[in-house]
Amino acid sequence: MKKKLIIAAIIVAVIVGVMLYMHYTPFWVNLTTVVSFGVGVVAGWVARVVYDKYFKGDVQNESID
């Protein structure tokens, strides 16, 4: 129960922080932030797919001497 309360408090704090950030910054800054976040998410997803496809299997097959 205590762990769920801490997680809920963190989520509420993040939401309030984002709302305050969006309120006190100009529209173009908000738009740039959202676009940058979206590009970062897509780039991270593509990097993970490439890593899983080409590199993950190689690491598991190597033996450490």
PDB file of N, CA and C in Angstrom:
ATOM      1  N   MET A   1       0.817  -1.196   0.000  1.00  0.00           N
ATOM      2  CA  MET A   1       0.000   0.000   0.000  1.00  0.00           C
ATOM      3  C   MET A   1       0.862   1.262   0.000  1.00  0.00           C
ATOM      4  N   LYS A   2       1.926   1.248   0.807  1.00  0.00           N
ATOM      5  CA  LYS A   2       2.796   2.421   0.897  1.00  0.00           C
ATOM      6  C   LYS A   2       3.523   2.657  -0.430  1.00  0.00           C
ATOM      7  N   LYS A   3       3.909   1.569  -1.098  1.00  0.00           N
ATOM      8  CA  LYS A   3       4.615   1.690  -2.375  1.00  0.00           C
ATOM      9  C   LYS A   3       3.697   2.309  -3.438  1.00  0.00           C
ATOM     10  N   LYS A   4       2.435   1.890  -3.466  1.00  0.00           N
ATOM     11  CA  LYS A   4       1.487   2.451  -4.427  1.00  0.00           C
ATOM     12  C   LYS A   4       1.252   3.935  -4.165  1.00  0.00           C
ATOM     13  N   LEU A   5       1.224   4.323  -2.897  1.00  0.00           N
ATOM     14  CA  LEU A   5       1.023   5.725  -2.549  1.00  0.00           C
ATOM     15  C   LEU A   5       2.207   6.582  -3.001  1.00  0.00           C
ATOM     16  N   ILE A   6       3.413   6.065  -2.851  1.00  0.00           N
ATOM     17  CA  ILE A   6       4.608   6.788  -3.294  1.00  0.00           C
ATOM     18  C   ILE A   6       4.608   6.936  -4.810  1.00  0.00           C
ATOM     19  N   ILE A   7       4.268   5.870  -5.522  1.00  0.00           N
ATOM     20  CA  ILE A   7       4.218   5.923  -6.989  1.00  0.00           C
ATOM     21  C   ILE A   7       3.149   6.913  -7.443  1.00  0.00           C
ATOM     22  N   ALA A   8       1.987   6.896  -6.793  1.00  0.00           N
ATOM     23  CA  ALA A   8       0.921   7.836  -7.142  1.00  0.00           C
ATOM     24  C   ALA A   8       1.367   9.278  -6.895  1.00  0.00           C
ATOM     25  N   ALA A   9       2.082   9.518  -5.795  1.00  0.00           N
ATOM     26  CA  ALA A   9       2.568  10.868  -5.495  1.00  0.00           C
ATOM     27  C   ALA A   9       3.571  11.332  -6.543  1.00  0.00           C
ATOM     28  N   ILE A  10       4.439  10.440  -6.998  1.00  0.00           N
ATOM     29  CA  ILE A  10       5.414  10.787  -8.035  1.00  0.00           C
ATOM     30  C   ILE A  10       4.701  11.125  -9.341  1.00  0.00           C
ATOM     31  N   ILE A  11       3.706  10.332  -9.705  1.00  0.00           N
ATOM     32  CA  ILE A  11       2.962  10.575 -10.943  1.00  0.00           C
ATOM     33  C   ILE A  11       2.239  11.921 -10.878  1.00  0.00           C
ATOM     34  N   VAL A  12       1.614  12.212  -9.740  1.00  0.00           N
ATOM     35  CA  VAL A  12       0.921  13.495  -9.578  1.00  0.00           C
ATOM     36  C   VAL A  12       1.914  14.652  -9.663  1.00  0.00           C
ATOM     37  N   ALA A  13       3.089  14.503  -9.047  1.00  0.00           N
ATOM     38  CA  ALA A  13       4.099  15.558  -9.086  1.00  0.00           C
ATOM     39  C   ALA A  13       4.582  15.801 -10.513  1.00  0.00           C
ATOM     40  N   VAL A  14       4.765  14.744 -11.284  1.00  0.00           N
ATOM     41  CA  VAL A  14       5.201  14.892 -12.678  1.00  0.00           C
ATOM     42  C   VAL A  14       4.121  15.595 -13.495  1.00  0.00           C
ATOM     43  N   ILE A  15       2.870  15.204 -13.305  1.00  0.00           N
ATOM     44  CA  ILE A  15       1.776  15.833 -14.052  1.00  0.00           C
ATOM     45  C   ILE A  15       1.669  17.316 -13.710  1.00  0.00           C
ATOM     46  N   VAL A  16       1.751  17.655 -12.432  1.00  0.00           N
ATOM     47  CA  VAL A  16       1.686  19.062 -12.022  1.00  0.00           C
ATOM     48  C   VAL A  16       2.877  19.838 -12.585  1.00  0.00           C
ATOM     49  N   GLY A  17       4.063  19.228 -12.573  1.00  0.00           N
ATOM     50  CA  GLY A  17       5.243  19.881 -13.132  1.00  0.00           C
ATOM     51  C   GLY A  17       5.103  20.159 -14.617  1.00  0.00           C
ATOM     52  N   VAL A  18       4.575  19.193 -15.352  1.00  0.00           N
ATOM     53  CA  VAL A  18       4.373  19.383 -16.795  1.00  0.00           C
ATOM     54  C   VAL A  18       3.338  20.473 -17.047  1.00  0.00           C
ATOM     55  N   MET A  19       2.272  20.474 -16.262  1.00  0.00           N
ATOM     56  CA  MET A  19       1.247  21.505 -16.437  1.00  0.00           C
ATOM     57  C   MET A  19       1.803  22.899 -16.148  1.00  0.00           C
ATOM     58  N   LEU A  20       2.606  23.038 -15.106  1.00  0.00           N
ATOM     59  CA  LEU A  20       3.219  24.334 -14.800  1.00  0.00           C
ATOM     60  C   LEU A  20       4.194  24.758 -15.891  1.00  0.00           C
ATOM     61  N   TYR A  21       4.978  23.802 -16.401  1.00  0.00           N
ATOM     62  CA  TYR A  21       5.920  24.107 -17.485  1.00  0.00           C
ATOM     63  C   TYR A  21       5.169  24.623 -18.709  1.00  0.00           C
ATOM     64  N   MET A  22       4.087  23.938 -19.072  1.00  0.00           N
ATOM     65  CA  MET A  22       3.331  24.343 -20.252  1.00  0.00           C
ATOM     66  C   MET A  22       2.624  25.683 -20.037  1.00  0.00           C
ATOM     67  N   HIS A  23       2.273  25.980 -18.811  1.00  0.00           N
ATOM     68  CA  HIS A  23       1.588  27.247 -18.529  1.00  0.00           C
ATOM     69  C   HIS A  23       2.537  28.443 -18.618  1.00  0.00           C
ATOM     70  N   TYR A  24       3.755  28.273 -18.150  1.00  0.00           N
ATOM     71  CA  TYR A  24       4.682  29.407 -18.047  1.00  0.00           C
ATOM     72  C   TYR A  24       5.655  29.537 -19.219  1.00  0.00           C
ATOM     73  N   THR A  25       5.596  28.661 -20.183  1.00  0.00           N
ATOM     74  CA  THR A  25       6.469  28.793 -21.349  1.00  0.00           C
ATOM     75  C   THR A  25       5.627  29.145 -22.575  1.00  0.00           C
ATOM     76  N   PRO A  26       6.222  29.824 -23.558  1.00  0.00           N
ATOM     77  CA  PRO A  26       5.483  30.181 -24.773  1.00  0.00           C
ATOM     78  C   PRO A  26       5.078  28.940 -25.577  1.00  0.00           C
ATOM     79  N   PHE A  27       4.111  29.153 -26.467  1.00  0.00           N
ATOM     80  CA  PHE A  27       3.583  28.054 -27.275  1.00  0.00           C
ATOM     81  C   PHE A  27       4.669  27.386 -28.111  1.00  0.00           C
ATOM     82  N   TRP A  28       5.552  28.170 -28.730  1.00  0.00           N
ATOM     83  CA  TRP A  28       6.564  27.590 -29.616  1.00  0.00           C
ATOM     84  C   TRP A  28       7.557  26.739 -28.842  1.00  0.00           C
ATOM     85  N   VAL A  29       7.827  27.103 -27.603  1.00  0.00           N
ATOM     86  CA  VAL A  29       8.709  26.281 -26.770  1.00  0.00           C
ATOM     87  C   VAL A  29       8.029  24.952 -26.468  1.00  0.00           C
ATOM     88  N   ASN A  30       6.741  24.995 -26.161  1.00  0.00           N
ATOM     89  CA  ASN A  30       5.996  23.761 -25.907  1.00  0.00           C
ATOM     90  C   ASN A  30       5.971  22.869 -27.144  1.00  0.00           C
ATOM     91  N   LEU A  31       5.732  23.477 -28.293  1.00  0.00           N
ATOM     92  CA  LEU A  31       5.690  22.712 -29.537  1.00  0.00           C
ATOM     93  C   LEU A  31       7.042  22.074 -29.828  1.00  0.00           C
ATOM     94  N   THR A  32       8.109  22.821 -29.650  1.00  0.00           N
ATOM     95  CA  THR A  32       9.457  22.289 -29.868  1.00  0.00           C
ATOM     96  C   THR A  32       9.765  21.151 -28.904  1.00  0.00           C
ATOM     97  N   THR A  33       9.353  21.291 -27.667  1.00  0.00           N
ATOM     98  CA  THR A  33       9.587  20.249 -26.672  1.00  0.00           C
ATOM     99  C   THR A  33       8.848  18.968 -27.032  1.00  0.00           C
ATOM    100  N   VAL A  34       7.597  19.089 -27.435  1.00  0.00           N
ATOM    101  CA  VAL A  34       6.804  17.909 -27.791  1.00  0.00           C
ATOM    102  C   VAL A  34       7.382  17.224 -29.020  1.00  0.00           C
ATOM    103  N   VAL A  35       7.775  17.997 -30.024  1.00  0.00           N
ATOM    104  CA  VAL A  35       8.363  17.411 -31.236  1.00  0.00           C
ATOM    105  C   VAL A  35       9.688  16.729 -30.910  1.00  0.00           C
ATOM    106  N   SER A  36      10.519  17.352 -30.097  1.00  0.00           N
ATOM    107  CA  SER A  36      11.801  16.749 -29.717  1.00  0.00           C
ATOM    108  C   SER A  36      11.588  15.451 -28.948  1.00  0.00           C
ATOM    109  N   PHE A  37      10.621  15.442 -28.052  1.00  0.00           N
ATOM    110  CA  PHE A  37      10.314  14.225 -27.297  1.00  0.00           C
ATOM    111  C   PHE A  37       9.844  13.115 -28.232  1.00  0.00           C
ATOM    112  N   GLY A  38       8.979  13.450 -29.176  1.00  0.00           N
ATOM    113  CA  GLY A  38       8.484  12.456 -30.127  1.00  0.00           C
ATOM    114  C   GLY A  38       9.595  11.885 -30.991  1.00  0.00           C
ATOM    115  N   VAL A  39      10.479  12.741 -31.471  1.00  0.00           N
ATOM    116  CA  VAL A  39      11.616  12.273 -32.276  1.00  0.00           C
ATOM    117  C   VAL A  39      12.524  11.381 -31.437  1.00  0.00           C
ATOM    118  N   GLY A  40      12.737  11.739 -30.185  1.00  0.00           N
ATOM    119  CA  GLY A  40      13.561  10.916 -29.301  1.00  0.00           C
ATOM    120  C   GLY A  40      12.952   9.552 -29.050  1.00  0.00           C
ATOM    121  N   VAL A  41      11.635   9.501 -28.869  1.00  0.00           N
ATOM    122  CA  VAL A  41      10.955   8.219 -28.656  1.00  0.00           C
ATOM    123  C   VAL A  41      11.086   7.340 -29.894  1.00  0.00           C
ATOM    124  N   VAL A  42      10.862   7.907 -31.065  1.00  0.00           N
ATOM    125  CA  VAL A  42      10.972   7.130 -32.307  1.00  0.00           C
ATOM    126  C   VAL A  42      12.405   6.658 -32.518  1.00  0.00           C
ATOM    127  N   ALA A  43      13.384   7.518 -32.287  1.00  0.00           N
ATOM    128  CA  ALA A  43      14.789   7.133 -32.455  1.00  0.00           C
ATOM    129  C   ALA A  43      15.175   6.031 -31.473  1.00  0.00           C
ATOM    130  N   GLY A  44      14.697   6.121 -30.247  1.00  0.00           N
ATOM    131  CA  GLY A  44      14.976   5.070 -29.266  1.00  0.00           C
ATOM    132  C   GLY A  44      14.351   3.750 -29.649  1.00  0.00           C
ATOM    133  N   TRP A  45      13.126   3.788 -30.167  1.00  0.00           N
ATOM    134  CA  TRP A  45      12.454   2.560 -30.594  1.00  0.00           C
ATOM    135  C   TRP A  45      13.196   1.922 -31.765  1.00  0.00           C
ATOM    136  N   VAL A  46      13.603   2.735 -32.743  1.00  0.00           N
ATOM    137  CA  VAL A  46      14.349   2.212 -33.891  1.00  0.00           C
ATOM    138  C   VAL A  46      15.684   1.629 -33.434  1.00  0.00           C
ATOM    139  N   ALA A  47      16.367   2.301 -32.521  1.00  0.00           N
ATOM    140  CA  ALA A  47      17.644   1.795 -32.014  1.00  0.00           C
ATOM    141  C   ALA A  47      17.455   0.462 -31.299  1.00  0.00           C
ATOM    142  N   ARG A  48      16.388   0.324 -30.546  1.00  0.00           N
ATOM    143  CA  ARG A  48      16.142  -0.949 -29.856  1.00  0.00           C
ATOM    144  C   ARG A  48      15.858  -2.071 -30.849  1.00  0.00           C
ATOM    145  N   VAL A  49      15.063  -1.787 -31.878  1.00  0.00           N
ATOM    146  CA  VAL A  49      14.762  -2.801 -32.887  1.00  0.00           C
ATOM    147  C   VAL A  49      16.042  -3.236 -33.597  1.00  0.00           C
ATOM    148  N   VAL A  50      16.880  -2.271 -33.969  1.00  0.00           N
ATOM    149  CA  VAL A  50      18.144  -2.592 -34.640  1.00  0.00           C
ATOM    150  C   VAL A  50      19.046  -3.390 -33.709  1.00  0.00           C
ATOM    151  N   TYR A  51      19.126  -3.003 -32.441  1.00  0.00           N
ATOM    152  CA  TYR A  51      19.959  -3.727 -31.476  1.00  0.00           C
ATOM    153  C   TYR A  51      19.464  -5.161 -31.303  1.00  0.00           C
ATOM    154  N   ASP A  52      18.158  -5.336 -31.130  1.00  0.00           N
ATOM    155  CA  ASP A  52      17.614  -6.682 -30.951  1.00  0.00           C
ATOM    156  C   ASP A  52      17.823  -7.544 -32.189  1.00  0.00           C
ATOM    157  N   LYS A  53      17.741  -6.950 -33.370  1.00  0.00           N
ATOM    158  CA  LYS A  53      17.854  -7.720 -34.605  1.00  0.00           C
ATOM    159  C   LYS A  53      19.297  -8.088 -34.938  1.00  0.00           C
ATOM    160  N   TYR A  54      20.241  -7.168 -34.744  1.00  0.00           N
ATOM    161  CA  TYR A  54      21.596  -7.383 -35.228  1.00  0.00           C
ATOM    162  C   TYR A  54      22.639  -7.653 -34.151  1.00  0.00           C
ATOM    163  N   PHE A  55      22.453  -7.183 -32.937  1.00  0.00           N
ATOM    164  CA  PHE A  55      23.519  -7.260 -31.943  1.00  0.00           C
ATOM    165  C   PHE A  55      23.222  -8.177 -30.765  1.00  0.00           C
ATOM    166  N   LYS A  56      21.979  -8.335 -30.383  1.00  0.00           N
ATOM    167  CA  LYS A  56      21.646  -9.090 -29.186  1.00  0.00           C
ATOM    168  C   LYS A  56      22.043 -10.553 -29.310  1.00  0.00           C
ATOM    169  N   GLY A  57      21.809 -11.170 -30.432  1.00  0.00           N
ATOM    170  CA  GLY A  57      22.165 -12.572 -30.634  1.00  0.00           C
ATOM    171  C   GLY A  57      23.663 -12.800 -30.614  1.00  0.00           C
ATOM    172  N   ASP A  58      24.451 -11.842 -31.112  1.00  0.00           N
ATOM    173  CA  ASP A  58      25.903 -11.979 -31.131  1.00  0.00           C
ATOM    174  C   ASP A  58      26.480 -12.002 -29.724  1.00  0.00           C
ATOM    175  N   VAL A  59      25.935 -11.220 -28.832  1.00  0.00           N
ATOM    176  CA  VAL A  59      26.455 -11.137 -27.469  1.00  0.00           C
ATOM    177  C   VAL A  59      26.179 -12.431 -26.723  1.00  0.00           C
ATOM    178  N   GLN A  60      25.047 -13.047 -26.938  1.00  0.00           N
ATOM    179  CA  GLN A  60      24.687 -14.269 -26.235  1.00  0.00           C
ATOM    180  C   GLN A  60      25.501 -15.462 -26.719  1.00  0.00           C
ATOM    181  N   ASN A  61      25.949 -15.459 -27.960  1.00  0.00           N
ATOM    182  CA  ASN A  61      26.679 -16.598 -28.508  1.00  0.00           C
ATOM    183  C   ASN A  61      28.166 -16.565 -28.200  1.00  0.00           C
ATOM    184  N   GLU A  62      28.696 -15.433 -27.756  1.00  0.00           N
ATOM    185  CA  GLU A  62      30.122 -15.335 -27.461  1.00  0.00           C
ATOM    186  C   GLU A  62      30.420 -15.971 -26.110  1.00  0.00           C
ATOM    187  N   SER A  63      31.578 -16.617 -26.026  1.00  0.00           N
ATOM    188  CA  SER A  63      31.998 -17.178 -24.740  1.00  0.00           C
ATOM    189  C   SER A  63      33.105 -16.306 -24.161  1.00  0.00           C
ATOM    190  N   ILE A  64      33.095 -16.166 -22.852  1.00  0.00           N
ATOM    191  CA  ILE A  64      34.098 -15.348 -22.171  1.00  0.00           C
ATOM    192  C   ILE A  64      35.203 -16.269 -21.676  1.00  0.00           C
ATOM    193  N   ASP A  65      36.439 -15.980 -22.084  1.00  0.00           N
ATOM    194  CA  ASP A  65      37.569 -16.821 -21.664  1.00  0.00           C
ATOM    195  C   ASP A  65      38.231 -16.266 -20.434  1.00  0.00           C
TER     196      ASP A  65
END
